[in-house]
Amino acid sequence: MASASLSLYEVLGIPTSATGGEIKAAYRRLARTCHPDVVSVSRREVSADEFKRIHSAYSTLSDPDQRKNYDRDLYHRHRRDPFGFGSSSIHCNSAAAPSGYSAAVYGGRRNWETDQCW
């Protein structure tokens, strides 16, 4: 559990298809081994951080609405672009915009020039 890039499912050691009962069982199993009150004194600080991550994962995954949002975000985070461009494919800034046009047309903020219907 040293990596901060672990998904909440990996923190609890469960598959993404886990049921509510499996999530609860994994949380209780990990809480028995990582809770700061049950570990040795020398390991309490590290254990407290681990337990916070475990508890955060459990509280997110045990709530159906939060889990749905997390799963959606996780899907979008790991979805690959079929053409290999990634999320930063082509971005224009205001410096690249032709004169007379605002940066809104080219990916920047909108302004009054782009809102005209002429």
N, C-alpha and C. Protein backbone atom coordinates (compact mmCIF):
# COMPACT_ATOMS: atom_id res chain seq x y z
N MET A 1 0.81 -1.19 0.00
CA MET A 1 0.00 0.00 0.00
C MET A 1 0.85 1.25 0.00
N ALA A 2 2.04 1.15 -0.51
CA ALA A 2 2.94 2.29 -0.50
C ALA A 2 2.64 3.28 -1.61
N SER A 3 2.03 2.82 -2.68
CA SER A 3 1.80 3.69 -3.82
C SER A 3 0.51 4.47 -3.67
N ALA A 4 0.57 5.75 -4.00
CA ALA A 4 -0.61 6.60 -3.91
C ALA A 4 -1.51 6.41 -5.13
N SER A 5 -1.04 5.71 -6.16
CA SER A 5 -1.82 5.55 -7.37
C SER A 5 -2.70 4.31 -7.36
N LEU A 6 -2.77 3.61 -6.24
CA LEU A 6 -3.63 2.45 -6.15
C LEU A 6 -5.10 2.88 -6.21
N SER A 7 -5.91 2.07 -6.89
CA SER A 7 -7.34 2.35 -6.87
C SER A 7 -7.89 1.94 -5.51
N LEU A 8 -9.08 2.40 -5.21
CA LEU A 8 -9.69 2.05 -3.94
C LEU A 8 -9.94 0.55 -3.85
N TYR A 9 -10.19 -0.07 -4.98
CA TYR A 9 -10.38 -1.52 -5.01
C TYR A 9 -9.08 -2.23 -4.66
N GLU A 10 -7.98 -1.71 -5.16
CA GLU A 10 -6.68 -2.30 -4.85
C GLU A 10 -6.30 -2.09 -3.38
N VAL A 11 -6.69 -0.96 -2.82
CA VAL A 11 -6.41 -0.69 -1.41
C VAL A 11 -7.08 -1.76 -0.55
N LEU A 12 -8.33 -2.10 -0.88
CA LEU A 12 -9.05 -3.10 -0.11
C LEU A 12 -8.76 -4.53 -0.57
N GLY A 13 -8.09 -4.67 -1.71
CA GLY A 13 -7.75 -6.00 -2.21
C GLY A 13 -8.95 -6.77 -2.73
N ILE A 14 -9.86 -6.07 -3.40
CA ILE A 14 -11.07 -6.69 -3.92
C ILE A 14 -11.22 -6.40 -5.40
N PRO A 15 -11.99 -7.23 -6.13
CA PRO A 15 -12.24 -6.94 -7.54
C PRO A 15 -13.24 -5.79 -7.70
N THR A 16 -13.28 -5.20 -8.87
CA THR A 16 -14.20 -4.09 -9.12
C THR A 16 -15.65 -4.57 -9.11
N SER A 17 -15.87 -5.85 -9.23
CA SER A 17 -17.23 -6.40 -9.23
C SER A 17 -17.67 -6.84 -7.83
N ALA A 18 -16.94 -6.46 -6.79
CA ALA A 18 -17.24 -6.89 -5.43
C ALA A 18 -18.60 -6.39 -4.96
N THR A 19 -19.26 -7.21 -4.19
CA THR A 19 -20.55 -6.84 -3.62
C THR A 19 -20.35 -6.04 -2.34
N GLY A 20 -21.43 -5.51 -1.81
CA GLY A 20 -21.35 -4.76 -0.56
C GLY A 20 -20.82 -5.60 0.59
N GLY A 21 -21.21 -6.87 0.63
CA GLY A 21 -20.73 -7.77 1.67
C GLY A 21 -19.24 -8.04 1.55
N GLU A 22 -18.76 -8.19 0.34
CA GLU A 22 -17.32 -8.42 0.12
C GLU A 22 -16.51 -7.19 0.50
N ILE A 23 -17.04 -6.01 0.21
CA ILE A 23 -16.35 -4.77 0.58
C ILE A 23 -16.25 -4.67 2.10
N LYS A 24 -17.35 -4.95 2.78
CA LYS A 24 -17.37 -4.88 4.23
C LYS A 24 -16.42 -5.90 4.85
N ALA A 25 -16.41 -7.13 4.30
CA ALA A 25 -15.54 -8.18 4.83
C ALA A 25 -14.06 -7.81 4.64
N ALA A 26 -13.72 -7.24 3.47
CA ALA A 26 -12.34 -6.84 3.21
C ALA A 26 -11.92 -5.71 4.16
N TYR A 27 -12.82 -4.77 4.39
CA TYR A 27 -12.53 -3.66 5.30
C TYR A 27 -12.29 -4.18 6.72
N ARG A 28 -13.14 -5.06 7.18
CA ARG A 28 -12.98 -5.58 8.55
C ARG A 28 -11.70 -6.39 8.69
N ARG A 29 -11.38 -7.17 7.66
CA ARG A 29 -10.15 -7.98 7.68
C ARG A 29 -8.93 -7.07 7.77
N LEU A 30 -8.90 -6.01 6.96
CA LEU A 30 -7.76 -5.09 6.97
C LEU A 30 -7.73 -4.23 8.24
N ALA A 31 -8.89 -3.87 8.74
CA ALA A 31 -8.94 -3.06 9.96
C ALA A 31 -8.37 -3.84 11.15
N ARG A 32 -8.58 -5.15 11.17
CA ARG A 32 -8.04 -5.97 12.27
C ARG A 32 -6.52 -6.00 12.26
N THR A 33 -5.92 -5.84 11.09
CA THR A 33 -4.45 -5.91 11.01
C THR A 33 -3.78 -4.54 10.96
N CYS A 34 -4.48 -3.51 10.50
CA CYS A 34 -3.85 -2.20 10.30
C CYS A 34 -4.31 -1.12 11.26
N HIS A 35 -5.29 -1.38 12.07
CA HIS A 35 -5.78 -0.33 12.98
C HIS A 35 -4.66 0.05 13.96
N PRO A 36 -4.45 1.34 14.19
CA PRO A 36 -3.37 1.79 15.09
C PRO A 36 -3.45 1.23 16.51
N ASP A 37 -4.62 0.85 16.95
CA ASP A 37 -4.76 0.31 18.30
C ASP A 37 -4.29 -1.13 18.44
N VAL A 38 -4.14 -1.85 17.32
CA VAL A 38 -3.77 -3.26 17.40
C VAL A 38 -2.35 -3.55 16.93
N VAL A 39 -1.64 -2.56 16.39
CA VAL A 39 -0.27 -2.78 15.92
C VAL A 39 0.73 -2.39 17.00
N SER A 40 1.96 -2.76 16.77
CA SER A 40 3.01 -2.43 17.74
C SER A 40 3.25 -0.92 17.75
N VAL A 41 3.82 -0.45 18.83
CA VAL A 41 4.06 0.98 19.03
C VAL A 41 4.96 1.54 17.94
N SER A 42 5.95 0.79 17.51
CA SER A 42 6.90 1.27 16.51
C SER A 42 6.26 1.45 15.13
N ARG A 43 5.15 0.82 14.90
CA ARG A 43 4.52 0.86 13.58
C ARG A 43 3.24 1.69 13.57
N ARG A 44 2.92 2.36 14.65
CA ARG A 44 1.64 3.07 14.76
C ARG A 44 1.46 4.19 13.74
N GLU A 45 2.49 4.97 13.51
CA GLU A 45 2.37 6.10 12.60
C GLU A 45 2.09 5.64 11.17
N VAL A 46 2.84 4.65 10.72
CA VAL A 46 2.63 4.10 9.38
C VAL A 46 1.26 3.44 9.30
N SER A 47 0.92 2.73 10.36
CA SER A 47 -0.36 2.04 10.40
C SER A 47 -1.53 3.02 10.37
N ALA A 48 -1.38 4.14 11.01
CA ALA A 48 -2.46 5.14 11.00
C ALA A 48 -2.72 5.65 9.60
N ASP A 49 -1.66 5.91 8.84
CA ASP A 49 -1.83 6.35 7.45
C ASP A 49 -2.48 5.27 6.60
N GLU A 50 -2.05 4.03 6.78
CA GLU A 50 -2.64 2.91 6.04
C GLU A 50 -4.13 2.78 6.39
N PHE A 51 -4.43 2.88 7.67
CA PHE A 51 -5.81 2.72 8.09
C PHE A 51 -6.69 3.85 7.54
N LYS A 52 -6.17 5.06 7.47
CA LYS A 52 -6.93 6.17 6.90
C LYS A 52 -7.27 5.89 5.44
N ARG A 53 -6.30 5.36 4.69
CA ARG A 53 -6.56 5.01 3.29
C ARG A 53 -7.60 3.90 3.17
N ILE A 54 -7.48 2.91 4.05
CA ILE A 54 -8.43 1.79 4.03
C ILE A 54 -9.83 2.29 4.37
N HIS A 55 -9.93 3.12 5.39
CA HIS A 55 -11.23 3.64 5.79
C HIS A 55 -11.83 4.54 4.71
N SER A 56 -11.02 5.35 4.08
CA SER A 56 -11.49 6.20 2.99
C SER A 56 -12.00 5.36 1.82
N ALA A 57 -11.27 4.30 1.49
CA ALA A 57 -11.71 3.41 0.41
C ALA A 57 -13.03 2.75 0.77
N TYR A 58 -13.15 2.28 2.00
CA TYR A 58 -14.39 1.64 2.44
C TYR A 58 -15.56 2.61 2.42
N SER A 59 -15.37 3.80 2.93
CA SER A 59 -16.49 4.74 2.99
C SER A 59 -16.94 5.16 1.59
N THR A 60 -16.03 5.23 0.65
CA THR A 60 -16.41 5.56 -0.73
C THR A 60 -17.11 4.39 -1.40
N LEU A 61 -16.55 3.21 -1.28
CA LEU A 61 -17.10 2.05 -1.99
C LEU A 61 -18.35 1.48 -1.34
N SER A 62 -18.57 1.74 -0.07
CA SER A 62 -19.76 1.21 0.58
C SER A 62 -21.00 2.06 0.33
N ASP A 63 -20.82 3.30 -0.09
CA ASP A 63 -21.94 4.17 -0.44
C ASP A 63 -22.23 4.02 -1.93
N PRO A 64 -23.42 3.53 -2.32
CA PRO A 64 -23.71 3.27 -3.74
C PRO A 64 -23.52 4.48 -4.65
N ASP A 65 -23.93 5.67 -4.20
CA ASP A 65 -23.78 6.86 -5.04
C ASP A 65 -22.31 7.25 -5.21
N GLN A 66 -21.56 7.24 -4.11
CA GLN A 66 -20.14 7.57 -4.20
C GLN A 66 -19.39 6.53 -5.03
N ARG A 67 -19.78 5.26 -4.89
CA ARG A 67 -19.12 4.21 -5.67
C ARG A 67 -19.40 4.39 -7.16
N LYS A 68 -20.63 4.74 -7.50
CA LYS A 68 -20.98 4.96 -8.91
C LYS A 68 -20.14 6.09 -9.49
N ASN A 69 -20.01 7.18 -8.75
CA ASN A 69 -19.20 8.31 -9.22
C ASN A 69 -17.73 7.92 -9.33
N TYR A 70 -17.23 7.18 -8.33
CA TYR A 70 -15.83 6.75 -8.36
C TYR A 70 -15.58 5.83 -9.54
N ASP A 71 -16.48 4.88 -9.79
CA ASP A 71 -16.31 3.96 -10.91
C ASP A 71 -16.30 4.70 -12.24
N ARG A 72 -17.17 5.70 -12.36
CA ARG A 72 -17.21 6.49 -13.59
C ARG A 72 -15.89 7.24 -13.79
N ASP A 73 -15.39 7.86 -12.71
CA ASP A 73 -14.12 8.58 -12.80
C ASP A 73 -12.96 7.64 -13.08
N LEU A 74 -12.99 6.47 -12.46
CA LEU A 74 -11.94 5.48 -12.68
C LEU A 74 -11.95 5.00 -14.12
N TYR A 75 -13.13 4.80 -14.68
CA TYR A 75 -13.25 4.37 -16.07
C TYR A 75 -12.67 5.43 -17.00
N HIS A 76 -13.03 6.68 -16.78
CA HIS A 76 -12.53 7.75 -17.64
C HIS A 76 -11.03 7.95 -17.48
N ARG A 77 -10.51 7.72 -16.28
CA ARG A 77 -9.09 7.87 -16.04
C ARG A 77 -8.28 6.80 -16.78
N HIS A 78 -8.84 5.61 -16.87
CA HIS A 78 -8.10 4.51 -17.47
C HIS A 78 -8.48 4.22 -18.91
N ARG A 79 -9.46 4.93 -19.41
CA ARG A 79 -9.88 4.71 -20.81
C ARG A 79 -8.80 5.23 -21.75
N ARG A 80 -8.53 4.47 -22.72
CA ARG A 80 -7.50 4.87 -23.69
C ARG A 80 -8.15 5.51 -24.90
N ASP A 81 -7.45 6.47 -25.48
CA ASP A 81 -7.88 7.09 -26.71
C ASP A 81 -7.60 6.11 -27.84
N PRO A 82 -8.60 5.77 -28.66
CA PRO A 82 -8.38 4.76 -29.70
C PRO A 82 -7.34 5.17 -30.74
N PHE A 83 -7.08 6.47 -30.88
CA PHE A 83 -6.11 6.93 -31.86
C PHE A 83 -4.75 7.26 -31.25
N GLY A 84 -4.62 7.12 -29.94
CA GLY A 84 -3.34 7.33 -29.28
C GLY A 84 -2.96 8.78 -29.04
N PHE A 85 -3.93 9.69 -29.17
CA PHE A 85 -3.60 11.10 -28.97
C PHE A 85 -3.56 11.49 -27.50
N GLY A 86 -4.30 10.80 -26.65
CA GLY A 86 -4.34 11.15 -25.24
C GLY A 86 -5.25 12.34 -25.01
N SER A 87 -5.27 12.83 -23.78
CA SER A 87 -6.17 13.93 -23.45
C SER A 87 -5.66 15.28 -23.93
N SER A 88 -4.39 15.37 -24.27
CA SER A 88 -3.85 16.65 -24.71
C SER A 88 -3.48 16.61 -26.18
N SER A 89 -4.43 16.18 -27.02
CA SER A 89 -4.13 16.00 -28.43
C SER A 89 -3.75 17.30 -29.11
N ILE A 90 -4.71 18.18 -29.35
CA ILE A 90 -4.42 19.43 -30.03
C ILE A 90 -5.11 20.55 -29.28
N HIS A 91 -4.34 21.46 -28.74
CA HIS A 91 -4.90 22.59 -28.02
C HIS A 91 -4.29 23.86 -28.59
N CYS A 92 -5.15 24.79 -28.92
CA CYS A 92 -4.69 26.09 -29.39
C CYS A 92 -4.87 27.09 -28.27
N ASN A 93 -3.99 28.03 -28.23
CA ASN A 93 -4.14 29.08 -27.22
C ASN A 93 -4.44 30.40 -27.90
N SER A 94 -4.63 31.43 -27.10
CA SER A 94 -5.03 32.71 -27.67
C SER A 94 -3.93 33.31 -28.54
N ALA A 95 -2.69 32.96 -28.30
CA ALA A 95 -1.60 33.49 -29.11
C ALA A 95 -1.66 32.92 -30.53
N ALA A 96 -2.24 31.72 -30.69
CA ALA A 96 -2.32 31.10 -32.00
C ALA A 96 -3.58 31.49 -32.74
N ALA A 97 -4.51 32.17 -32.09
CA ALA A 97 -5.75 32.55 -32.74
C ALA A 97 -5.50 33.68 -33.73
N PRO A 98 -6.14 33.60 -34.90
CA PRO A 98 -5.98 34.68 -35.88
C PRO A 98 -6.54 35.99 -35.33
N SER A 99 -6.02 37.09 -35.80
CA SER A 99 -6.50 38.37 -35.31
C SER A 99 -7.97 38.54 -35.64
N GLY A 100 -8.70 39.16 -34.74
CA GLY A 100 -10.13 39.36 -34.94
C GLY A 100 -10.96 38.25 -34.33
N TYR A 101 -10.34 37.16 -33.93
CA TYR A 101 -11.06 36.05 -33.32
C TYR A 101 -10.61 35.92 -31.89
N SER A 102 -11.52 35.50 -31.05
CA SER A 102 -11.15 35.33 -29.65
C SER A 102 -10.56 33.94 -29.43
N ALA A 103 -10.01 33.75 -28.27
CA ALA A 103 -9.44 32.46 -27.92
C ALA A 103 -10.52 31.42 -27.68
N ALA A 104 -11.79 31.83 -27.52
CA ALA A 104 -12.87 30.88 -27.24
C ALA A 104 -13.03 29.87 -28.37
N VAL A 105 -12.90 30.35 -29.59
CA VAL A 105 -13.02 29.45 -30.72
C VAL A 105 -11.87 28.45 -30.73
N TYR A 106 -10.78 28.83 -30.15
CA TYR A 106 -9.58 28.01 -30.17
C TYR A 106 -9.25 27.41 -28.81
N GLY A 107 -10.24 27.21 -27.95
CA GLY A 107 -10.03 26.52 -26.69
C GLY A 107 -9.85 27.38 -25.47
N GLY A 108 -9.95 28.68 -25.59
CA GLY A 108 -9.78 29.56 -24.43
C GLY A 108 -11.12 30.00 -23.88
N ARG A 109 -11.13 31.12 -23.16
CA ARG A 109 -12.37 31.65 -22.60
C ARG A 109 -13.20 32.32 -23.67
N ARG A 110 -14.50 32.34 -23.46
CA ARG A 110 -15.39 33.04 -24.38
C ARG A 110 -15.39 34.52 -24.04
N ASN A 111 -15.61 35.36 -25.05
CA ASN A 111 -15.79 36.78 -24.79
C ASN A 111 -16.86 37.33 -25.73
N TRP A 112 -17.10 38.58 -25.66
CA TRP A 112 -18.21 39.17 -26.41
C TRP A 112 -18.07 38.99 -27.91
N GLU A 113 -16.86 38.91 -28.44
CA GLU A 113 -16.67 38.76 -29.87
C GLU A 113 -17.22 37.45 -30.40
N THR A 114 -17.15 36.41 -29.61
CA THR A 114 -17.61 35.10 -30.07
C THR A 114 -19.09 34.91 -29.86
N ASP A 115 -19.71 35.79 -29.07
CA ASP A 115 -21.13 35.66 -28.79
C ASP A 115 -21.99 36.44 -29.79
N GLN A 116 -21.38 37.14 -30.73
CA GLN A 116 -22.15 37.92 -31.71
C GLN A 116 -22.68 37.00 -32.79
N CYS A 117 -23.85 37.33 -33.28
CA CYS A 117 -24.50 36.53 -34.33
C CYS A 117 -24.45 37.28 -35.65
N TRP A 118 -23.33 37.67 -36.13
CA TRP A 118 -23.20 38.44 -37.37
C TRP A 118 -22.27 37.83 -38.34
